[in-house]
PDB file of N, CA and C in Angstrom:
ATOM      1  N   UNK A   1    -123.113  43.007-150.635  1.00  0.00           N
ATOM      2  CA  UNK A   1    -124.232  42.521-149.861  1.00  0.00           C
ATOM      3  C   UNK A   1    -124.348  43.303-148.558  1.00  0.00           C
ATOM      4  N   UNK A   2    -125.548  43.353-148.055  1.00  0.00           N
ATOM      5  CA  UNK A   2    -125.839  44.099-146.838  1.00  0.00           C
ATOM      6  C   UNK A   2    -125.820  43.172-145.620  1.00  0.00           C
ATOM      7  N   UNK A   3    -125.207  43.639-144.521  1.00  0.00           N
ATOM      8  CA  UNK A   3    -125.188  42.875-143.275  1.00  0.00           C
ATOM      9  C   UNK A   3    -126.526  43.030-142.572  1.00  0.00           C
ATOM     10  N   UNK A   4    -127.062  41.909-142.092  1.00  0.00           N
ATOM     11  CA  UNK A   4    -128.357  41.876-141.428  1.00  0.00           C
ATOM     12  C   UNK A   4    -128.166  41.277-140.037  1.00  0.00           C
ATOM     13  N   UNK A   5    -128.707  41.931-139.007  1.00  0.00           N
ATOM     14  CA  UNK A   5    -128.675  41.391-137.647  1.00  0.00           C
ATOM     15  C   UNK A   5    -129.904  40.504-137.475  1.00  0.00           C
ATOM     16  N   UNK A   6    -129.697  39.292-136.964  1.00  0.00           N
ATOM     17  CA  UNK A   6    -130.762  38.301-136.861  1.00  0.00           C
ATOM     18  C   UNK A   6    -131.262  38.146-135.428  1.00  0.00           C
ATOM     19  N   UNK A   7    -132.440  37.540-135.303  1.00  0.00           N
ATOM     20  CA  UNK A   7    -133.000  37.188-134.004  1.00  0.00           C
ATOM     21  C   UNK A   7    -132.984  35.667-133.890  1.00  0.00           C
ATOM     22  N   UNK A   8    -132.022  35.090-133.167  1.00  0.00           N
ATOM     23  CA  UNK A   8    -131.956  33.630-133.056  1.00  0.00           C
ATOM     24  C   UNK A   8    -133.126  33.082-132.244  1.00  0.00           C
ATOM     25  N   UNK A   9    -133.512  31.848-132.558  1.00  0.00           N
ATOM     26  CA  UNK A   9    -134.584  31.182-131.820  1.00  0.00           C
ATOM     27  C   UNK A   9    -134.063  30.539-130.541  1.00  0.00           C
ATOM     28  N   UNK A  10    -132.787  30.138-130.544  1.00  0.00           N
ATOM     29  CA  UNK A  10    -132.198  29.485-129.380  1.00  0.00           C
ATOM     30  C   UNK A  10    -130.737  29.910-129.255  1.00  0.00           C
ATOM     31  N   UNK A  11    -130.313  30.233-128.031  1.00  0.00           N
ATOM     32  CA  UNK A  11    -128.924  30.625-127.779  1.00  0.00           C
ATOM     33  C   UNK A  11    -128.466  29.961-126.485  1.00  0.00           C
ATOM     34  N   UNK A  12    -127.247  29.429-126.494  1.00  0.00           N
ATOM     35  CA  UNK A  12    -126.649  28.914-125.264  1.00  0.00           C
ATOM     36  C   UNK A  12    -125.207  29.401-125.193  1.00  0.00           C
ATOM     37  N   UNK A  13    -124.704  29.530-123.966  1.00  0.00           N
ATOM     38  CA  UNK A  13    -123.337  30.016-123.763  1.00  0.00           C
ATOM     39  C   UNK A  13    -122.669  29.195-122.668  1.00  0.00           C
ATOM     40  N   UNK A  14    -121.397  28.869-122.902  1.00  0.00           N
ATOM     41  CA  UNK A  14    -120.611  28.077-121.962  1.00  0.00           C
ATOM     42  C   UNK A  14    -119.253  28.742-121.779  1.00  0.00           C
ATOM     43  N   UNK A  15    -118.770  28.773-120.533  1.00  0.00           N
ATOM     44  CA  UNK A  15    -117.456  29.345-120.230  1.00  0.00           C
ATOM     45  C   UNK A  15    -116.557  28.258-119.664  1.00  0.00           C
ATOM     46  N   UNK A  16    -115.306  28.239-120.152  1.00  0.00           N
ATOM     47  CA  UNK A  16    -114.315  27.323-119.578  1.00  0.00           C
ATOM     48  C   UNK A  16    -112.921  27.887-119.797  1.00  0.00           C
ATOM     49  N   UNK A  17    -112.200  28.091-118.708  1.00  0.00           N
ATOM     50  CA  UNK A  17    -110.781  28.468-118.733  1.00  0.00           C
ATOM     51  C   UNK A  17    -110.469  29.614-119.693  1.00  0.00           C
ATOM     52  N   UNK A  18    -111.195  30.719-119.548  1.00  0.00           N
ATOM     53  CA  UNK A  18    -110.908  31.904-120.354  1.00  0.00           C
ATOM     54  C   UNK A  18    -111.544  31.931-121.726  1.00  0.00           C
ATOM     55  N   UNK A  19    -112.351  30.916-122.055  1.00  0.00           N
ATOM     56  CA  UNK A  19    -112.990  30.862-123.367  1.00  0.00           C
ATOM     57  C   UNK A  19    -114.506  30.774-123.224  1.00  0.00           C
ATOM     58  N   UNK A  20    -115.194  31.661-123.912  1.00  0.00           N
ATOM     59  CA  UNK A  20    -116.650  31.677-123.958  1.00  0.00           C
ATOM     60  C   UNK A  20    -117.081  31.074-125.291  1.00  0.00           C
ATOM     61  N   UNK A  21    -117.930  30.055-125.245  1.00  0.00           N
ATOM     62  CA  UNK A  21    -118.462  29.433-126.455  1.00  0.00           C
ATOM     63  C   UNK A  21    -119.949  29.744-126.529  1.00  0.00           C
ATOM     64  N   UNK A  22    -120.376  30.294-127.662  1.00  0.00           N
ATOM     65  CA  UNK A  22    -121.777  30.648-127.877  1.00  0.00           C
ATOM     66  C   UNK A  22    -122.299  29.831-129.049  1.00  0.00           C
ATOM     67  N   UNK A  23    -123.471  29.240-128.870  1.00  0.00           N
ATOM     68  CA  UNK A  23    -124.152  28.519-129.941  1.00  0.00           C
ATOM     69  C   UNK A  23    -125.510  29.170-130.157  1.00  0.00           C
ATOM     70  N   UNK A  24    -125.882  29.363-131.420  1.00  0.00           N
ATOM     71  CA  UNK A  24    -127.171  29.968-131.749  1.00  0.00           C
ATOM     72  C   UNK A  24    -127.779  29.235-132.934  1.00  0.00           C
ATOM     73  N   UNK A  25    -129.111  29.172-132.950  1.00  0.00           N
ATOM     74  CA  UNK A  25    -129.795  28.533-134.067  1.00  0.00           C
ATOM     75  C   UNK A  25    -131.115  29.237-134.327  1.00  0.00           C
ATOM     76  N   UNK A  26    -131.633  29.017-135.528  1.00  0.00           N
ATOM     77  CA  UNK A  26    -132.895  29.617-135.913  1.00  0.00           C
ATOM     78  C   UNK A  26    -133.198  29.328-137.371  1.00  0.00           C
ATOM     79  N   UNK A  27    -134.076  30.131-137.956  1.00  0.00           N
ATOM     80  CA  UNK A  27    -134.453  30.026-139.368  1.00  0.00           C
ATOM     81  C   UNK A  27    -134.453  31.430-139.953  1.00  0.00           C
ATOM     82  N   UNK A  28    -134.011  31.566-141.175  1.00  0.00           N
ATOM     83  CA  UNK A  28    -133.981  32.872-141.838  1.00  0.00           C
ATOM     84  C   UNK A  28    -134.318  32.733-143.310  1.00  0.00           C
ATOM     85  N   UNK A  29    -134.848  33.799-143.881  1.00  0.00           N
ATOM     86  CA  UNK A  29    -135.135  33.890-145.309  1.00  0.00           C
ATOM     87  C   UNK A  29    -134.079  34.750-145.974  1.00  0.00           C
ATOM     88  N   UNK A  30    -133.402  34.219-146.960  1.00  0.00           N
ATOM     89  CA  UNK A  30    -132.496  35.017-147.775  1.00  0.00           C
ATOM     90  C   UNK A  30    -131.306  35.598-147.040  1.00  0.00           C
ATOM     91  N   UNK A  31    -130.721  34.853-146.107  1.00  0.00           N
ATOM     92  CA  UNK A  31    -129.535  35.316-145.389  1.00  0.00           C
ATOM     93  C   UNK A  31    -128.479  34.210-145.461  1.00  0.00           C
ATOM     94  N   UNK A  32    -127.238  34.584-145.805  1.00  0.00           N
ATOM     95  CA  UNK A  32    -126.136  33.627-145.880  1.00  0.00           C
ATOM     96  C   UNK A  32    -124.981  34.098-145.002  1.00  0.00           C
ATOM     97  N   UNK A  33    -123.948  33.298-144.906  1.00  0.00           N
ATOM     98  CA  UNK A  33    -122.739  33.636-144.143  1.00  0.00           C
ATOM     99  C   UNK A  33    -123.079  34.075-142.720  1.00  0.00           C
ATOM    100  N   UNK A  34    -123.919  33.308-142.049  1.00  0.00           N
ATOM    101  CA  UNK A  34    -124.365  33.650-140.699  1.00  0.00           C
ATOM    102  C   UNK A  34    -123.251  33.340-139.699  1.00  0.00           C
ATOM    103  N   UNK A  35    -123.020  34.278-138.769  1.00  0.00           N
ATOM    104  CA  UNK A  35    -121.957  34.131-137.775  1.00  0.00           C
ATOM    105  C   UNK A  35    -122.331  34.872-136.498  1.00  0.00           C
ATOM    106  N   UNK A  36    -121.684  34.498-135.400  1.00  0.00           N
ATOM    107  CA  UNK A  36    -121.809  35.213-134.131  1.00  0.00           C
ATOM    108  C   UNK A  36    -120.609  36.133-134.028  1.00  0.00           C
ATOM    109  N   UNK A  37    -120.849  37.407-133.737  1.00  0.00           N
ATOM    110  CA  UNK A  37    -119.762  38.379-133.640  1.00  0.00           C
ATOM    111  C   UNK A  37    -119.886  39.169-132.346  1.00  0.00           C
ATOM    112  N   UNK A  38    -118.761  39.719-131.899  1.00  0.00           N
ATOM    113  CA  UNK A  38    -118.764  40.609-130.745  1.00  0.00           C
ATOM    114  C   UNK A  38    -119.393  41.925-131.174  1.00  0.00           C
ATOM    115  N   UNK A  39    -120.298  42.450-130.360  1.00  0.00           N
ATOM    116  CA  UNK A  39    -121.008  43.667-130.724  1.00  0.00           C
ATOM    117  C   UNK A  39    -120.311  44.928-130.246  1.00  0.00           C
ATOM    118  N   UNK A  40    -119.227  44.792-129.478  1.00  0.00           N
ATOM    119  CA  UNK A  40    -118.545  45.965-128.940  1.00  0.00           C
ATOM    120  C   UNK A  40    -117.053  45.665-128.832  1.00  0.00           C
ATOM    121  N   UNK A  41    -116.240  46.573-129.321  1.00  0.00           N
ATOM    122  CA  UNK A  41    -114.786  46.383-129.267  1.00  0.00           C
ATOM    123  C   UNK A  41    -114.241  46.592-127.852  1.00  0.00           C
ATOM    124  N   UNK A  42    -114.938  47.371-127.049  1.00  0.00           N
ATOM    125  CA  UNK A  42    -114.510  47.647-125.677  1.00  0.00           C
ATOM    126  C   UNK A  42    -115.074  46.588-124.729  1.00  0.00           C
ATOM    127  N   UNK A  43    -114.314  46.193-123.714  1.00  0.00           N
ATOM    128  CA  UNK A  43    -114.853  45.220-122.758  1.00  0.00           C
ATOM    129  C   UNK A  43    -115.918  45.859-121.872  1.00  0.00           C
ATOM    130  N   UNK A  44    -117.132  45.351-121.922  1.00  0.00           N
ATOM    131  CA  UNK A  44    -118.230  45.825-121.081  1.00  0.00           C
ATOM    132  C   UNK A  44    -118.883  44.607-120.440  1.00  0.00           C
ATOM    133  N   UNK A  45    -119.650  44.848-119.388  1.00  0.00           N
ATOM    134  CA  UNK A  45    -120.328  43.771-118.679  1.00  0.00           C
ATOM    135  C   UNK A  45    -121.822  44.028-118.672  1.00  0.00           C
ATOM    136  N   UNK A  46    -122.644  43.071-119.053  1.00  0.00           N
ATOM    137  CA  UNK A  46    -122.282  41.789-119.657  1.00  0.00           C
ATOM    138  C   UNK A  46    -121.828  41.984-121.102  1.00  0.00           C
ATOM    139  N   UNK A  47    -120.952  41.107-121.588  1.00  0.00           N
ATOM    140  CA  UNK A  47    -120.443  41.283-122.945  1.00  0.00           C
ATOM    141  C   UNK A  47    -121.552  41.136-123.991  1.00  0.00           C
ATOM    142  N   UNK A  48    -121.621  42.084-124.950  1.00  0.00           N
ATOM    143  CA  UNK A  48    -122.656  42.009-125.985  1.00  0.00           C
ATOM    144  C   UNK A  48    -122.166  41.275-127.243  1.00  0.00           C
ATOM    145  N   UNK A  49    -123.063  40.488-127.821  1.00  0.00           N
ATOM    146  CA  UNK A  49    -122.786  39.769-129.062  1.00  0.00           C
ATOM    147  C   UNK A  49    -123.998  39.902-129.967  1.00  0.00           C
ATOM    148  N   UNK A  50    -123.831  39.523-131.237  1.00  0.00           N
ATOM    149  CA  UNK A  50    -124.973  39.488-132.142  1.00  0.00           C
ATOM    150  C   UNK A  50    -124.773  38.377-133.157  1.00  0.00           C
ATOM    151  N   UNK A  51    -125.891  37.897-133.681  1.00  0.00           N
ATOM    152  CA  UNK A  51    -125.879  36.925-134.767  1.00  0.00           C
ATOM    153  C   UNK A  51    -126.207  37.714-136.021  1.00  0.00           C
ATOM    154  N   UNK A  52    -125.339  37.628-137.013  1.00  0.00           N
ATOM    155  CA  UNK A  52    -125.564  38.407-138.229  1.00  0.00           C
ATOM    156  C   UNK A  52    -125.199  37.600-139.466  1.00  0.00           C
ATOM    157  N   UNK A  53    -125.687  38.071-140.606  1.00  0.00           N
ATOM    158  CA  UNK A  53    -125.412  37.411-141.875  1.00  0.00           C
ATOM    159  C   UNK A  53    -125.486  38.415-143.009  1.00  0.00           C
ATOM    160  N   UNK A  54    -125.344  37.917-144.217  1.00  0.00           N
ATOM    161  CA  UNK A  54    -125.382  38.758-145.412  1.00  0.00           C
ATOM    162  C   UNK A  54    -126.700  38.535-146.148  1.00  0.00           C
ATOM    163  N   UNK A  55    -127.349  39.646-146.526  1.00  0.00           N
ATOM    164  CA  UNK A  55    -128.585  39.564-147.304  1.00  0.00           C
ATOM    165  C   UNK A  55    -128.294  38.855-148.615  1.00  0.00           C
ATOM    166  N   UNK A  56    -129.180  37.951-149.019  1.00  0.00           N
ATOM    167  CA  UNK A  56    -128.971  37.133-150.210  1.00  0.00           C
ATOM    168  C   UNK A  56    -130.284  37.022-150.981  1.00  0.00           C
ATOM    169  N   UNK A  57    -130.211  36.778-152.280  1.00  0.00           N
ATOM    170  CA  UNK A  57    -131.445  36.603-153.047  1.00  0.00           C
ATOM    171  C   UNK A  57    -132.069  35.212-152.878  1.00  0.00           C
ATOM    172  N   UNK A  58    -131.482  34.349-152.047  1.00  0.00           N
ATOM    173  CA  UNK A  58    -132.020  33.001-151.840  1.00  0.00           C
ATOM    174  C   UNK A  58    -133.452  33.078-151.315  1.00  0.00           C
ATOM    175  N   UNK A  59    -134.311  32.216-151.837  1.00  0.00           N
ATOM    176  CA  UNK A  59    -135.710  32.187-151.425  1.00  0.00           C
ATOM    177  C   UNK A  59    -135.947  30.919-150.620  1.00  0.00           C
ATOM    178  N   UNK A  60    -136.599  31.054-149.487  1.00  0.00           N
ATOM    179  CA  UNK A  60    -136.900  29.893-148.656  1.00  0.00           C
ATOM    180  C   UNK A  60    -136.636  30.189-147.193  1.00  0.00           C
ATOM    181  N   UNK A  61    -137.164  29.350-146.342  1.00  0.00           N
ATOM    182  CA  UNK A  61    -137.030  29.502-144.896  1.00  0.00           C
ATOM    183  C   UNK A  61    -136.006  28.467-144.441  1.00  0.00           C
ATOM    184  N   UNK A  62    -134.733  28.881-144.318  1.00  0.00           N
ATOM    185  CA  UNK A  62    -133.631  27.956-144.099  1.00  0.00           C
ATOM    186  C   UNK A  62    -133.186  27.936-142.640  1.00  0.00           C
ATOM    187  N   UNK A  63    -132.929  26.743-142.085  1.00  0.00           N
ATOM    188  CA  UNK A  63    -132.408  26.660-140.721  1.00  0.00           C
ATOM    189  C   UNK A  63    -130.922  27.007-140.689  1.00  0.00           C
ATOM    190  N   UNK A  64    -130.473  27.506-139.548  1.00  0.00           N
ATOM    191  CA  UNK A  64    -129.041  27.734-139.354  1.00  0.00           C
ATOM    192  C   UNK A  64    -128.664  27.338-137.936  1.00  0.00           C
ATOM    193  N   UNK A  65    -127.409  26.959-137.774  1.00  0.00           N
ATOM    194  CA  UNK A  65    -126.832  26.684-136.465  1.00  0.00           C
ATOM    195  C   UNK A  65    -125.387  27.138-136.530  1.00  0.00           C
ATOM    196  N   UNK A  66    -125.009  28.064-135.650  1.00  0.00           N
ATOM    197  CA  UNK A  66    -123.658  28.613-135.658  1.00  0.00           C
ATOM    198  C   UNK A  66    -123.058  28.524-134.260  1.00  0.00           C
ATOM    199  N   UNK A  67    -121.733  28.482-134.224  1.00  0.00           N
ATOM    200  CA  UNK A  67    -120.992  28.434-132.964  1.00  0.00           C
ATOM    201  C   UNK A  67    -119.768  29.321-133.105  1.00  0.00           C
ATOM    202  N   UNK A  68    -119.416  30.009-132.029  1.00  0.00           N
ATOM    203  CA  UNK A  68    -118.213  30.841-132.033  1.00  0.00           C
ATOM    204  C   UNK A  68    -117.600  30.824-130.641  1.00  0.00           C
ATOM    205  N   UNK A  69    -116.282  31.004-130.579  1.00  0.00           N
ATOM    206  CA  UNK A  69    -115.590  31.092-129.296  1.00  0.00           C
ATOM    207  C   UNK A  69    -114.889  32.440-129.196  1.00  0.00           C
ATOM    208  N   UNK A  70    -114.844  32.962-127.978  1.00  0.00           N
ATOM    209  CA  UNK A  70    -114.237  34.261-127.717  1.00  0.00           C
ATOM    210  C   UNK A  70    -113.418  34.179-126.437  1.00  0.00           C
ATOM    211  N   UNK A  71    -112.225  34.787-126.415  1.00  0.00           N
ATOM    212  CA  UNK A  71    -111.483  34.873-125.159  1.00  0.00           C
ATOM    213  C   UNK A  71    -112.147  35.930-124.272  1.00  0.00           C
ATOM    214  N   UNK A  72    -112.322  35.627-123.001  1.00  0.00           N
ATOM    215  CA  UNK A  72    -112.908  36.592-122.067  1.00  0.00           C
ATOM    216  C   UNK A  72    -112.138  36.565-120.756  1.00  0.00           C
ATOM    217  N   UNK A  73    -112.130  37.701-120.085  1.00  0.00           N
ATOM    218  CA  UNK A  73    -111.539  37.791-118.754  1.00  0.00           C
ATOM    219  C   UNK A  73    -112.609  37.437-117.735  1.00  0.00           C
ATOM    220  N   UNK A  74    -112.231  36.732-116.717  1.00  0.00           N
ATOM    221  CA  UNK A  74    -113.183  36.403-115.668  1.00  0.00           C
ATOM    222  C   UNK A  74    -114.123  35.288-116.078  1.00  0.00           C
ATOM    223  N   UNK A  75    -115.152  35.100-115.272  1.00  0.00           N
ATOM    224  CA  UNK A  75    -116.135  34.038-115.463  1.00  0.00           C
ATOM    225  C   UNK A  75    -117.502  34.705-115.590  1.00  0.00           C
ATOM    226  N   UNK A  76    -117.924  35.092-116.809  1.00  0.00           N
ATOM    227  CA  UNK A  76    -119.170  35.849-116.959  1.00  0.00           C
ATOM    228  C   UNK A  76    -120.388  35.031-116.533  1.00  0.00           C
ATOM    229  N   UNK A  77    -121.322  35.683-115.879  1.00  0.00           N
ATOM    230  CA  UNK A  77    -122.561  35.032-115.452  1.00  0.00           C
ATOM    231  C   UNK A  77    -123.615  35.056-116.553  1.00  0.00           C
ATOM    232  N   UNK A  78    -123.561  36.112-117.388  1.00  0.00           N
ATOM    233  CA  UNK A  78    -124.505  36.227-118.494  1.00  0.00           C
ATOM    234  C   UNK A  78    -123.901  37.064-119.612  1.00  0.00           C
ATOM    235  N   UNK A  79    -124.485  36.925-120.799  1.00  0.00           N
ATOM    236  CA  UNK A  79    -124.087  37.719-121.955  1.00  0.00           C
ATOM    237  C   UNK A  79    -125.341  38.345-122.545  1.00  0.00           C
ATOM    238  N   UNK A  80    -125.137  39.354-123.370  1.00  0.00           N
ATOM    239  CA  UNK A  80    -126.246  40.017-124.056  1.00  0.00           C
ATOM    240  C   UNK A  80    -126.172  39.679-125.540  1.00  0.00           C
ATOM    241  N   UNK A  81    -127.296  39.269-126.112  1.00  0.00           N
ATOM    242  CA  UNK A  81    -127.402  39.035-127.548  1.00  0.00           C
ATOM    243  C   UNK A  81    -128.279  40.143-128.111  1.00  0.00           C
ATOM    244  N   UNK A  82    -127.675  41.025-128.909  1.00  0.00           N
ATOM    245  CA  UNK A  82    -128.418  42.133-129.507  1.00  0.00           C
ATOM    246  C   UNK A  82    -129.154  41.636-130.741  1.00  0.00           C
ATOM    247  N   UNK A  83    -130.412  42.063-130.894  1.00  0.00           N
ATOM    248  CA  UNK A  83    -131.202  41.670-132.057  1.00  0.00           C
ATOM    249  C   UNK A  83    -132.131  42.818-132.437  1.00  0.00           C
ATOM    250  N   UNK A  84    -132.762  42.739-133.601  1.00  0.00           N
ATOM    251  CA  UNK A  84    -133.712  43.785-133.989  1.00  0.00           C
ATOM    252  C   UNK A  84    -134.894  43.886-133.025  1.00  0.00           C
ATOM    253  N   UNK A  85    -135.174  42.819-132.269  1.00  0.00           N
ATOM    254  CA  UNK A  85    -136.294  42.811-131.325  1.00  0.00           C
ATOM    255  C   UNK A  85    -135.887  43.225-129.917  1.00  0.00           C
ATOM    256  N   UNK A  86    -134.654  43.675-129.737  1.00  0.00           N
ATOM    257  CA  UNK A  86    -134.176  44.061-128.420  1.00  0.00           C
ATOM    258  C   UNK A  86    -133.029  43.172-127.975  1.00  0.00           C
ATOM    259  N   UNK A  87    -132.648  43.308-126.717  1.00  0.00           N
ATOM    260  CA  UNK A  87    -131.515  42.562-126.180  1.00  0.00           C
ATOM    261  C   UNK A  87    -132.003  41.351-125.401  1.00  0.00           C
ATOM    262  N   UNK A  88    -131.432  40.196-125.713  1.00  0.00           N
ATOM    263  CA  UNK A  88    -131.741  38.954-125.026  1.00  0.00           C
ATOM    264  C   UNK A  88    -130.598  38.649-124.063  1.00  0.00           C
ATOM    265  N   UNK A  89    -130.909  38.480-122.786  1.00  0.00           N
ATOM    266  CA  UNK A  89    -129.899  38.123-121.799  1.00  0.00           C
ATOM    267  C   UNK A  89    -129.836  36.596-121.705  1.00  0.00           C
ATOM    268  N   UNK A  90    -128.610  36.051-121.817  1.00  0.00           N
ATOM    269  CA  UNK A  90    -128.403  34.603-121.819  1.00  0.00           C
ATOM    270  C   UNK A  90    -127.483  34.235-120.657  1.00  0.00           C
ATOM    271  N   UNK A  91    -127.916  33.316-119.809  1.00  0.00           N
ATOM    272  CA  UNK A  91    -127.076  32.826-118.713  1.00  0.00           C
ATOM    273  C   UNK A  91    -125.935  32.001-119.282  1.00  0.00           C
ATOM    274  N   UNK A  92    -124.766  32.137-118.658  1.00  0.00           N
ATOM    275  CA  UNK A  92    -123.583  31.402-119.098  1.00  0.00           C
ATOM    276  C   UNK A  92    -123.368  30.219-118.159  1.00  0.00           C
ATOM    277  N   UNK A  93    -123.251  29.041-118.731  1.00  0.00           N
ATOM    278  CA  UNK A  93    -122.963  27.838-117.954  1.00  0.00           C
ATOM    279  C   UNK A  93    -121.452  27.744-117.785  1.00  0.00           C
ATOM    280  N   UNK A  94    -120.993  27.756-116.543  1.00  0.00           N
ATOM    281  CA  UNK A  94    -119.562  27.699-116.266  1.00  0.00           C
ATOM    282  C   UNK A  94    -119.110  26.254-116.098  1.00  0.00           C
ATOM    283  N   UNK A  95    -118.058  25.885-116.833  1.00  0.00           N
ATOM    284  CA  UNK A  95    -117.460  24.558-116.710  1.00  0.00           C
ATOM    285  C   UNK A  95    -116.145  24.628-115.944  1.00  0.00           C
ATOM    286  N   UNK A  96    -115.854  25.793-115.354  1.00  0.00           N
ATOM    287  CA  UNK A  96    -114.639  25.999-114.584  1.00  0.00           C
ATOM    288  C   UNK A  96    -114.941  25.713-113.120  1.00  0.00           C
ATOM    289  N   UNK A  97    -114.123  24.891-112.481  1.00  0.00           N
ATOM    290  CA  UNK A  97    -114.341  24.597-111.066  1.00  0.00           C
ATOM    291  C   UNK A  97    -114.041  25.836-110.242  1.00  0.00           C
ATOM    292  N   UNK A  98    -114.844  26.045-109.228  1.00  0.00           N
ATOM    293  CA  UNK A  98    -114.700  27.246-108.393  1.00  0.00           C
ATOM    294  C   UNK A  98    -114.144  26.900-107.052  1.00  0.00           C
TER     295      UNK A  98
END
């Protein structure tokens, strides 16, 4: 199967004690195994991520909701979500007391 990069309809990000949690949702046709992945092995600022899945013969407009956690250094203010339509910048809500 072929990996497909998706354009999520909604993305939120939360940081707490070294862990970044990203939630994304949307609708897709013929895509399965949808997940949030790091888009770059090297640490860059803002950290890039993408929502991707596997091309499937499934027919229909199916909703998806995915969540992933990543260890990060520091307290990021925003992240980048790469998509076929360009890069979406998402503000990170910090739950760490300053």
